[in-house]
PDB file of N, CA and C in Angstrom:
ATOM      1  N   UNK A   1      19.760  -6.561  15.534  1.00  0.00           N
ATOM      2  CA  UNK A   1      18.759  -5.818  14.784  1.00  0.00           C
ATOM      3  C   UNK A   1      18.730  -6.363  13.352  1.00  0.00           C
ATOM      4  N   UNK A   2      17.527  -6.587  12.853  1.00  0.00           N
ATOM      5  CA  UNK A   2      17.370  -7.099  11.497  1.00  0.00           C
ATOM      6  C   UNK A   2      17.516  -5.984  10.478  1.00  0.00           C
ATOM      7  N   UNK A   3      17.859  -6.354   9.268  1.00  0.00           N
ATOM      8  CA  UNK A   3      17.955  -5.379   8.196  1.00  0.00           C
ATOM      9  C   UNK A   3      16.691  -5.423   7.361  1.00  0.00           C
ATOM     10  N   UNK A   4      16.366  -4.300   6.816  1.00  0.00           N
ATOM     11  CA  UNK A   4      15.203  -4.201   5.947  1.00  0.00           C
ATOM     12  C   UNK A   4      15.413  -5.033   4.696  1.00  0.00           C
ATOM     13  N   UNK A   5      14.328  -5.573   4.163  1.00  0.00           N
ATOM     14  CA  UNK A   5      14.413  -6.334   2.919  1.00  0.00           C
ATOM     15  C   UNK A   5      14.501  -5.411   1.720  1.00  0.00           C
ATOM     16  N   UNK A   6      14.266  -4.136   1.952  1.00  0.00           N
ATOM     17  CA  UNK A   6      14.272  -3.222   0.810  1.00  0.00           C
ATOM     18  C   UNK A   6      15.638  -2.581   0.629  1.00  0.00           C
ATOM     19  N   UNK A   7      15.932  -2.220  -0.565  1.00  0.00           N
ATOM     20  CA  UNK A   7      17.088  -1.398  -0.848  1.00  0.00           C
ATOM     21  C   UNK A   7      16.671  -0.412  -1.915  1.00  0.00           C
ATOM     22  N   UNK A   8      17.198   0.731  -1.842  1.00  0.00           N
ATOM     23  CA  UNK A   8      16.843   1.764  -2.820  1.00  0.00           C
ATOM     24  C   UNK A   8      17.867   1.797  -3.923  1.00  0.00           C
ATOM     25  N   UNK A   9      17.383   1.791  -5.132  1.00  0.00           N
ATOM     26  CA  UNK A   9      18.276   1.882  -6.281  1.00  0.00           C
ATOM     27  C   UNK A   9      18.224   3.296  -6.821  1.00  0.00           C
ATOM     28  N   UNK A  10      19.362   3.804  -7.173  1.00  0.00           N
ATOM     29  CA  UNK A  10      19.425   5.142  -7.755  1.00  0.00           C
ATOM     30  C   UNK A  10      20.271   5.070  -9.018  1.00  0.00           C
ATOM     31  N   UNK A  11      20.014   5.984  -9.907  1.00  0.00           N
ATOM     32  CA  UNK A  11      20.757   6.015 -11.159  1.00  0.00           C
ATOM     33  C   UNK A  11      21.800   7.106 -11.105  1.00  0.00           C
ATOM     34  N   UNK A  12      23.018   6.773 -11.426  1.00  0.00           N
ATOM     35  CA  UNK A  12      24.040   7.816 -11.466  1.00  0.00           C
ATOM     36  C   UNK A  12      24.133   8.353 -12.896  1.00  0.00           C
ATOM     37  N   UNK A  13      25.013   9.303 -13.109  1.00  0.00           N
ATOM     38  CA  UNK A  13      25.094   9.972 -14.413  1.00  0.00           C
ATOM     39  C   UNK A  13      25.562   9.046 -15.526  1.00  0.00           C
ATOM     40  N   UNK A  14      26.209   7.948 -15.212  1.00  0.00           N
ATOM     41  CA  UNK A  14      26.668   7.028 -16.250  1.00  0.00           C
ATOM     42  C   UNK A  14      25.582   6.023 -16.641  1.00  0.00           C
ATOM     43  N   UNK A  15      24.384   6.194 -16.112  1.00  0.00           N
ATOM     44  CA  UNK A  15      23.202   5.359 -16.346  1.00  0.00           C
ATOM     45  C   UNK A  15      23.342   3.930 -15.810  1.00  0.00           C
ATOM     46  N   UNK A  16      24.382   3.643 -15.049  1.00  0.00           N
ATOM     47  CA  UNK A  16      24.433   2.330 -14.404  1.00  0.00           C
ATOM     48  C   UNK A  16      23.676   2.437 -13.072  1.00  0.00           C
ATOM     49  N   UNK A  17      23.158   1.305 -12.610  1.00  0.00           N
ATOM     50  CA  UNK A  17      22.383   1.288 -11.371  1.00  0.00           C
ATOM     51  C   UNK A  17      23.293   0.931 -10.210  1.00  0.00           C
ATOM     52  N   UNK A  18      23.031   1.561  -9.071  1.00  0.00           N
ATOM     53  CA  UNK A  18      23.757   1.196  -7.864  1.00  0.00           C
ATOM     54  C   UNK A  18      22.751   1.098  -6.724  1.00  0.00           C
ATOM     55  N   UNK A  19      23.067   0.304  -5.741  1.00  0.00           N
ATOM     56  CA  UNK A  19      22.168   0.090  -4.615  1.00  0.00           C
ATOM     57  C   UNK A  19      22.731   0.838  -3.413  1.00  0.00           C
ATOM     58  N   UNK A  20      21.867   1.559  -2.728  1.00  0.00           N
ATOM     59  CA  UNK A  20      22.302   2.283  -1.533  1.00  0.00           C
ATOM     60  C   UNK A  20      22.303   1.342  -0.335  1.00  0.00           C
ATOM     61  N   UNK A  21      22.758   1.837   0.789  1.00  0.00           N
ATOM     62  CA  UNK A  21      22.842   1.054   2.014  1.00  0.00           C
ATOM     63  C   UNK A  21      21.463   0.640   2.497  1.00  0.00           C
ATOM     64  N   UNK A  22      21.360  -0.576   2.995  1.00  0.00           N
ATOM     65  CA  UNK A  22      20.109  -1.067   3.550  1.00  0.00           C
ATOM     66  C   UNK A  22      20.010  -0.563   4.987  1.00  0.00           C
ATOM     67  N   UNK A  23      18.901   0.107   5.279  1.00  0.00           N
ATOM     68  CA  UNK A  23      18.711   0.692   6.612  1.00  0.00           C
ATOM     69  C   UNK A  23      18.227  -0.360   7.603  1.00  0.00           C
ATOM     70  N   UNK A  24      18.704  -0.316   8.849  1.00  0.00           N
ATOM     71  CA  UNK A  24      18.213  -1.244   9.868  1.00  0.00           C
ATOM     72  C   UNK A  24      16.760  -0.924  10.215  1.00  0.00           C
ATOM     73  N   UNK A  25      15.974  -1.964  10.465  1.00  0.00           N
ATOM     74  CA  UNK A  25      14.552  -1.805  10.781  1.00  0.00           C
ATOM     75  C   UNK A  25      14.233  -2.615  12.018  1.00  0.00           C
ATOM     76  N   UNK A  26      13.463  -2.030  12.906  1.00  0.00           N
ATOM     77  CA  UNK A  26      13.016  -2.713  14.104  1.00  0.00           C
ATOM     78  C   UNK A  26      11.899  -3.700  13.710  1.00  0.00           C
ATOM     79  N   UNK A  27      12.052  -4.993  14.012  1.00  0.00           N
ATOM     80  CA  UNK A  27      11.033  -5.982  13.641  1.00  0.00           C
ATOM     81  C   UNK A  27       9.646  -5.661  14.209  1.00  0.00           C
ATOM     82  N   UNK A  28       9.589  -5.069  15.389  1.00  0.00           N
ATOM     83  CA  UNK A  28       8.295  -4.712  15.973  1.00  0.00           C
ATOM     84  C   UNK A  28       7.587  -3.655  15.125  1.00  0.00           C
ATOM     85  N   UNK A  29       8.345  -2.774  14.518  1.00  0.00           N
ATOM     86  CA  UNK A  29       7.761  -1.755  13.649  1.00  0.00           C
ATOM     87  C   UNK A  29       7.187  -2.389  12.397  1.00  0.00           C
ATOM     88  N   UNK A  30       7.932  -3.348  11.827  1.00  0.00           N
ATOM     89  CA  UNK A  30       7.422  -4.072  10.658  1.00  0.00           C
ATOM     90  C   UNK A  30       6.140  -4.841  10.999  1.00  0.00           C
ATOM     91  N   UNK A  31       6.089  -5.410  12.193  1.00  0.00           N
ATOM     92  CA  UNK A  31       4.877  -6.109  12.626  1.00  0.00           C
ATOM     93  C   UNK A  31       3.685  -5.158  12.645  1.00  0.00           C
ATOM     94  N   UNK A  32       3.907  -3.954  13.116  1.00  0.00           N
ATOM     95  CA  UNK A  32       2.806  -2.973  13.163  1.00  0.00           C
ATOM     96  C   UNK A  32       2.327  -2.611  11.758  1.00  0.00           C
ATOM     97  N   UNK A  33       3.266  -2.465  10.837  1.00  0.00           N
ATOM     98  CA  UNK A  33       2.894  -2.167   9.449  1.00  0.00           C
ATOM     99  C   UNK A  33       2.088  -3.339   8.887  1.00  0.00           C
ATOM    100  N   UNK A  34       2.541  -4.557   9.115  1.00  0.00           N
ATOM    101  CA  UNK A  34       1.836  -5.720   8.608  1.00  0.00           C
ATOM    102  C   UNK A  34       0.439  -5.840   9.212  1.00  0.00           C
ATOM    103  N   UNK A  35       0.298  -5.546  10.490  1.00  0.00           N
ATOM    104  CA  UNK A  35      -1.025  -5.573  11.128  1.00  0.00           C
ATOM    105  C   UNK A  35      -1.953  -4.530  10.486  1.00  0.00           C
ATOM    106  N   UNK A  36      -1.387  -3.348  10.232  1.00  0.00           N
ATOM    107  CA  UNK A  36      -2.177  -2.295   9.605  1.00  0.00           C
ATOM    108  C   UNK A  36      -2.607  -2.693   8.211  1.00  0.00           C
ATOM    109  N   UNK A  37      -1.698  -3.279   7.446  1.00  0.00           N
ATOM    110  CA  UNK A  37      -2.052  -3.752   6.106  1.00  0.00           C
ATOM    111  C   UNK A  37      -3.157  -4.802   6.159  1.00  0.00           C
ATOM    112  N   UNK A  38      -3.096  -5.683   7.144  1.00  0.00           N
ATOM    113  CA  UNK A  38      -4.124  -6.703   7.293  1.00  0.00           C
ATOM    114  C   UNK A  38      -5.485  -6.062   7.615  1.00  0.00           C
ATOM    115  N   UNK A  39      -5.482  -5.085   8.513  1.00  0.00           N
ATOM    116  CA  UNK A  39      -6.735  -4.412   8.844  1.00  0.00           C
ATOM    117  C   UNK A  39      -7.318  -3.676   7.630  1.00  0.00           C
ATOM    118  N   UNK A  40      -6.460  -3.056   6.846  1.00  0.00           N
ATOM    119  CA  UNK A  40      -6.941  -2.384   5.623  1.00  0.00           C
ATOM    120  C   UNK A  40      -7.541  -3.411   4.675  1.00  0.00           C
ATOM    121  N   UNK A  41      -6.896  -4.564   4.530  1.00  0.00           N
ATOM    122  CA  UNK A  41      -7.413  -5.624   3.658  1.00  0.00           C
ATOM    123  C   UNK A  41      -8.785  -6.101   4.141  1.00  0.00           C
ATOM    124  N   UNK A  42      -8.919  -6.278   5.441  1.00  0.00           N
ATOM    125  CA  UNK A  42     -10.205  -6.706   5.987  1.00  0.00           C
ATOM    126  C   UNK A  42     -11.278  -5.640   5.752  1.00  0.00           C
ATOM    127  N   UNK A  43     -10.920  -4.392   5.913  1.00  0.00           N
ATOM    128  CA  UNK A  43     -11.873  -3.301   5.679  1.00  0.00           C
ATOM    129  C   UNK A  43     -12.307  -3.275   4.208  1.00  0.00           C
ATOM    130  N   UNK A  44     -11.370  -3.508   3.311  1.00  0.00           N
ATOM    131  CA  UNK A  44     -11.705  -3.564   1.881  1.00  0.00           C
ATOM    132  C   UNK A  44     -12.677  -4.696   1.596  1.00  0.00           C
ATOM    133  N   UNK A  45     -12.391  -5.888   2.142  1.00  0.00           N
ATOM    134  CA  UNK A  45     -13.270  -7.030   1.946  1.00  0.00           C
ATOM    135  C   UNK A  45     -14.675  -6.736   2.470  1.00  0.00           C
ATOM    136  N   UNK A  46     -14.746  -6.116   3.627  1.00  0.00           N
ATOM    137  CA  UNK A  46     -16.043  -5.781   4.229  1.00  0.00           C
ATOM    138  C   UNK A  46     -16.800  -4.773   3.355  1.00  0.00           C
ATOM    139  N   UNK A  47     -16.103  -3.755   2.888  1.00  0.00           N
ATOM    140  CA  UNK A  47     -16.734  -2.738   2.039  1.00  0.00           C
ATOM    141  C   UNK A  47     -17.235  -3.357   0.739  1.00  0.00           C
ATOM    142  N   UNK A  48     -16.429  -4.209   0.136  1.00  0.00           N
ATOM    143  CA  UNK A  48     -16.822  -4.855  -1.121  1.00  0.00           C
ATOM    144  C   UNK A  48     -18.029  -5.766  -0.904  1.00  0.00           C
ATOM    145  N   UNK A  49     -17.993  -6.568   0.142  1.00  0.00           N
ATOM    146  CA  UNK A  49     -19.090  -7.489   0.439  1.00  0.00           C
ATOM    147  C   UNK A  49     -20.370  -6.723   0.738  1.00  0.00           C
ATOM    148  N   UNK A  50     -20.270  -5.660   1.517  1.00  0.00           N
ATOM    149  CA  UNK A  50     -21.442  -4.861   1.853  1.00  0.00           C
ATOM    150  C   UNK A  50     -22.013  -4.162   0.640  1.00  0.00           C
ATOM    151  N   UNK A  51     -21.148  -3.631  -0.209  1.00  0.00           N
ATOM    152  CA  UNK A  51     -21.622  -2.956  -1.427  1.00  0.00           C
ATOM    153  C   UNK A  51     -22.381  -3.933  -2.319  1.00  0.00           C
ATOM    154  N   UNK A  52     -21.860  -5.159  -2.466  1.00  0.00           N
ATOM    155  CA  UNK A  52     -22.554  -6.164  -3.290  1.00  0.00           C
ATOM    156  C   UNK A  52     -23.928  -6.494  -2.720  1.00  0.00           C
ATOM    157  N   UNK A  53     -23.981  -6.665  -1.399  1.00  0.00           N
ATOM    158  CA  UNK A  53     -25.248  -7.006  -0.761  1.00  0.00           C
ATOM    159  C   UNK A  53     -26.269  -5.892  -0.929  1.00  0.00           C
ATOM    160  N   UNK A  54     -25.843  -4.655  -0.773  1.00  0.00           N
ATOM    161  CA  UNK A  54     -26.753  -3.517  -0.928  1.00  0.00           C
ATOM    162  C   UNK A  54     -27.190  -3.379  -2.374  1.00  0.00           C
ATOM    163  N   UNK A  55     -26.280  -3.565  -3.323  1.00  0.00           N
ATOM    164  CA  UNK A  55     -26.604  -3.482  -4.751  1.00  0.00           C
ATOM    165  C   UNK A  55     -27.673  -4.510  -5.148  1.00  0.00           C
ATOM    166  N   UNK A  56     -27.598  -5.712  -4.547  1.00  0.00           N
ATOM    167  CA  UNK A  56     -28.590  -6.740  -4.870  1.00  0.00           C
ATOM    168  C   UNK A  56     -29.991  -6.283  -4.485  1.00  0.00           C
ATOM    169  N   UNK A  57     -30.108  -5.543  -3.405  1.00  0.00           N
ATOM    170  CA  UNK A  57     -31.421  -5.091  -2.927  1.00  0.00           C
ATOM    171  C   UNK A  57     -31.834  -3.754  -3.515  1.00  0.00           C
ATOM    172  N   UNK A  58     -30.865  -2.891  -3.797  1.00  0.00           N
ATOM    173  CA  UNK A  58     -31.171  -1.551  -4.304  1.00  0.00           C
ATOM    174  C   UNK A  58     -30.040  -1.100  -5.213  1.00  0.00           C
ATOM    175  N   UNK A  59     -30.218  -1.366  -6.513  1.00  0.00           N
ATOM    176  CA  UNK A  59     -29.145  -1.140  -7.479  1.00  0.00           C
ATOM    177  C   UNK A  59     -28.642   0.304  -7.529  1.00  0.00           C
ATOM    178  N   UNK A  60     -29.489   1.263  -7.234  1.00  0.00           N
ATOM    179  CA  UNK A  60     -29.071   2.671  -7.329  1.00  0.00           C
ATOM    180  C   UNK A  60     -28.710   3.288  -5.995  1.00  0.00           C
ATOM    181  N   UNK A  61     -28.461   2.481  -4.997  1.00  0.00           N
ATOM    182  CA  UNK A  61     -28.220   2.991  -3.653  1.00  0.00           C
ATOM    183  C   UNK A  61     -26.942   3.830  -3.550  1.00  0.00           C
ATOM    184  N   UNK A  62     -27.072   5.019  -2.991  1.00  0.00           N
ATOM    185  CA  UNK A  62     -25.858   5.817  -2.749  1.00  0.00           C
ATOM    186  C   UNK A  62     -24.972   5.174  -1.672  1.00  0.00           C
ATOM    187  N   UNK A  63     -25.560   4.352  -0.825  1.00  0.00           N
ATOM    188  CA  UNK A  63     -24.746   3.661   0.180  1.00  0.00           C
ATOM    189  C   UNK A  63     -23.780   2.689  -0.491  1.00  0.00           C
ATOM    190  N   UNK A  64     -24.266   1.960  -1.502  1.00  0.00           N
ATOM    191  CA  UNK A  64     -23.401   1.034  -2.223  1.00  0.00           C
ATOM    192  C   UNK A  64     -22.305   1.811  -2.947  1.00  0.00           C
ATOM    193  N   UNK A  65     -22.676   2.928  -3.560  1.00  0.00           N
ATOM    194  CA  UNK A  65     -21.672   3.742  -4.247  1.00  0.00           C
ATOM    195  C   UNK A  65     -20.610   4.247  -3.278  1.00  0.00           C
ATOM    196  N   UNK A  66     -21.018   4.640  -2.101  1.00  0.00           N
ATOM    197  CA  UNK A  66     -20.078   5.104  -1.081  1.00  0.00           C
ATOM    198  C   UNK A  66     -19.138   3.994  -0.632  1.00  0.00           C
ATOM    199  N   UNK A  67     -19.676   2.788  -0.482  1.00  0.00           N
ATOM    200  CA  UNK A  67     -18.843   1.656  -0.089  1.00  0.00           C
ATOM    201  C   UNK A  67     -17.870   1.276  -1.207  1.00  0.00           C
ATOM    202  N   UNK A  68     -18.299   1.373  -2.444  1.00  0.00           N
ATOM    203  CA  UNK A  68     -17.409   1.082  -3.571  1.00  0.00           C
ATOM    204  C   UNK A  68     -16.277   2.108  -3.646  1.00  0.00           C
ATOM    205  N   UNK A  69     -16.608   3.366  -3.392  1.00  0.00           N
ATOM    206  CA  UNK A  69     -15.584   4.412  -3.359  1.00  0.00           C
ATOM    207  C   UNK A  69     -14.612   4.168  -2.198  1.00  0.00           C
ATOM    208  N   UNK A  70     -15.139   3.763  -1.045  1.00  0.00           N
ATOM    209  CA  UNK A  70     -14.288   3.460   0.097  1.00  0.00           C
ATOM    210  C   UNK A  70     -13.332   2.313  -0.232  1.00  0.00           C
ATOM    211  N   UNK A  71     -13.842   1.313  -0.938  1.00  0.00           N
ATOM    212  CA  UNK A  71     -12.998   0.181  -1.351  1.00  0.00           C
ATOM    213  C   UNK A  71     -11.864   0.664  -2.256  1.00  0.00           C
ATOM    214  N   UNK A  72     -12.179   1.528  -3.212  1.00  0.00           N
ATOM    215  CA  UNK A  72     -11.133   2.052  -4.110  1.00  0.00           C
ATOM    216  C   UNK A  72     -10.089   2.848  -3.331  1.00  0.00           C
ATOM    217  N   UNK A  73     -10.551   3.671  -2.409  1.00  0.00           N
ATOM    218  CA  UNK A  73      -9.602   4.468  -1.616  1.00  0.00           C
ATOM    219  C   UNK A  73      -8.746   3.607  -0.704  1.00  0.00           C
ATOM    220  N   UNK A  74      -9.363   2.593  -0.107  1.00  0.00           N
ATOM    221  CA  UNK A  74      -8.597   1.699   0.752  1.00  0.00           C
ATOM    222  C   UNK A  74      -7.546   0.929  -0.043  1.00  0.00           C
ATOM    223  N   UNK A  75      -7.883   0.556  -1.273  1.00  0.00           N
ATOM    224  CA  UNK A  75      -6.915  -0.100  -2.146  1.00  0.00           C
ATOM    225  C   UNK A  75      -5.712   0.818  -2.388  1.00  0.00           C
ATOM    226  N   UNK A  76      -5.987   2.094  -2.634  1.00  0.00           N
ATOM    227  CA  UNK A  76      -4.900   3.052  -2.863  1.00  0.00           C
ATOM    228  C   UNK A  76      -4.056   3.226  -1.603  1.00  0.00           C
ATOM    229  N   UNK A  77      -4.691   3.310  -0.455  1.00  0.00           N
ATOM    230  CA  UNK A  77      -3.957   3.461   0.821  1.00  0.00           C
ATOM    231  C   UNK A  77      -3.108   2.222   1.072  1.00  0.00           C
ATOM    232  N   UNK A  78      -3.660   1.053   0.834  1.00  0.00           N
ATOM    233  CA  UNK A  78      -2.922  -0.201   1.022  1.00  0.00           C
ATOM    234  C   UNK A  78      -1.674  -0.217   0.131  1.00  0.00           C
ATOM    235  N   UNK A  79      -1.854   0.126  -1.126  1.00  0.00           N
ATOM    236  CA  UNK A  79      -0.718   0.157  -2.062  1.00  0.00           C
ATOM    237  C   UNK A  79       0.343   1.152  -1.649  1.00  0.00           C
ATOM    238  N   UNK A  80      -0.086   2.328  -1.224  1.00  0.00           N
ATOM    239  CA  UNK A  80       0.862   3.360  -0.810  1.00  0.00           C
ATOM    240  C   UNK A  80       1.644   2.921   0.430  1.00  0.00           C
ATOM    241  N   UNK A  81       0.956   2.316   1.404  1.00  0.00           N
ATOM    242  CA  UNK A  81       1.646   1.849   2.600  1.00  0.00           C
ATOM    243  C   UNK A  81       2.635   0.739   2.255  1.00  0.00           C
ATOM    244  N   UNK A  82       2.253  -0.164   1.371  1.00  0.00           N
ATOM    245  CA  UNK A  82       3.173  -1.213   0.934  1.00  0.00           C
ATOM    246  C   UNK A  82       4.415  -0.614   0.290  1.00  0.00           C
ATOM    247  N   UNK A  83       4.200   0.294  -0.659  1.00  0.00           N
ATOM    248  CA  UNK A  83       5.342   0.903  -1.366  1.00  0.00           C
ATOM    249  C   UNK A  83       6.239   1.669  -0.413  1.00  0.00           C
ATOM    250  N   UNK A  84       5.646   2.494   0.443  1.00  0.00           N
ATOM    251  CA  UNK A  84       6.477   3.329   1.308  1.00  0.00           C
ATOM    252  C   UNK A  84       7.165   2.524   2.406  1.00  0.00           C
ATOM    253  N   UNK A  85       6.544   1.447   2.852  1.00  0.00           N
ATOM    254  CA  UNK A  85       7.133   0.649   3.943  1.00  0.00           C
ATOM    255  C   UNK A  85       8.194  -0.320   3.463  1.00  0.00           C
ATOM    256  N   UNK A  86       7.969  -0.938   2.328  1.00  0.00           N
ATOM    257  CA  UNK A  86       8.849  -2.019   1.896  1.00  0.00           C
ATOM    258  C   UNK A  86       9.723  -1.682   0.695  1.00  0.00           C
ATOM    259  N   UNK A  87       9.415  -0.602  -0.004  1.00  0.00           N
ATOM    260  CA  UNK A  87      10.159  -0.288  -1.222  1.00  0.00           C
ATOM    261  C   UNK A  87      10.666   1.146  -1.270  1.00  0.00           C
ATOM    262  N   UNK A  88      10.656   1.853  -0.173  1.00  0.00           N
ATOM    263  CA  UNK A  88      11.105   3.241  -0.154  1.00  0.00           C
ATOM    264  C   UNK A  88       9.919   4.181  -0.226  1.00  0.00           C
ATOM    265  N   UNK A  89      10.185   5.457  -0.046  1.00  0.00           N
ATOM    266  CA  UNK A  89       9.073   6.406  -0.031  1.00  0.00           C
ATOM    267  C   UNK A  89       8.523   6.645  -1.426  1.00  0.00           C
ATOM    268  N   UNK A  90       7.336   7.187  -1.492  1.00  0.00           N
ATOM    269  CA  UNK A  90       6.631   7.362  -2.763  1.00  0.00           C
ATOM    270  C   UNK A  90       7.393   8.278  -3.729  1.00  0.00           C
ATOM    271  N   UNK A  91       8.021   9.305  -3.228  1.00  0.00           N
ATOM    272  CA  UNK A  91       8.745  10.218  -4.107  1.00  0.00           C
ATOM    273  C   UNK A  91       9.922   9.503  -4.760  1.00  0.00           C
ATOM    274  N   UNK A  92      10.622   8.634  -4.024  1.00  0.00           N
ATOM    275  CA  UNK A  92      11.683   7.848  -4.624  1.00  0.00           C
ATOM    276  C   UNK A  92      11.155   6.967  -5.729  1.00  0.00           C
ATOM    277  N   UNK A  93       9.992   6.333  -5.508  1.00  0.00           N
ATOM    278  CA  UNK A  93       9.404   5.469  -6.513  1.00  0.00           C
ATOM    279  C   UNK A  93       9.055   6.244  -7.764  1.00  0.00           C
ATOM    280  N   UNK A  94       8.509   7.441  -7.593  1.00  0.00           N
ATOM    281  CA  UNK A  94       8.139   8.254  -8.747  1.00  0.00           C
ATOM    282  C   UNK A  94       9.389   8.650  -9.546  1.00  0.00           C
ATOM    283  N   UNK A  95      10.461   8.993  -8.854  1.00  0.00           N
ATOM    284  CA  UNK A  95      11.709   9.368  -9.538  1.00  0.00           C
ATOM    285  C   UNK A  95      12.277   8.180 -10.297  1.00  0.00           C
ATOM    286  N   UNK A  96      12.222   6.980  -9.675  1.00  0.00           N
ATOM    287  CA  UNK A  96      12.754   5.788 -10.328  1.00  0.00           C
ATOM    288  C   UNK A  96      11.925   5.405 -11.537  1.00  0.00           C
ATOM    289  N   UNK A  97      10.617   5.593 -11.475  1.00  0.00           N
ATOM    290  CA  UNK A  97       9.726   5.204 -12.562  1.00  0.00           C
ATOM    291  C   UNK A  97       9.881   6.172 -13.744  1.00  0.00           C
ATOM    292  N   UNK A  98      10.232   7.418 -13.468  1.00  0.00           N
ATOM    293  CA  UNK A  98      10.284   8.446 -14.515  1.00  0.00           C
ATOM    294  C   UNK A  98      11.574   8.513 -15.183  1.00  0.00           C
TER     295      UNK A  98
END
């Protein structure tokens, strides 16, 4: 079984950093995450391309605005999946950043 490339860092009371144990990860599960990330990326590209094409023909189109919003949301979903899959869960990231 392969080990995850991620490790979680936590701060103890002495303000020094320590690394927790690396959890084992099933490679097939990582493949599924990577496939999902790829599909999200393709969906973003499609939404962006479609929004540009619609804007060229109708600058005020609500369809273009909807596609641009979808692109922004997909970007957020992609980032969240990356962080939670490869760098620990979102709550851990927020605690480490704060």
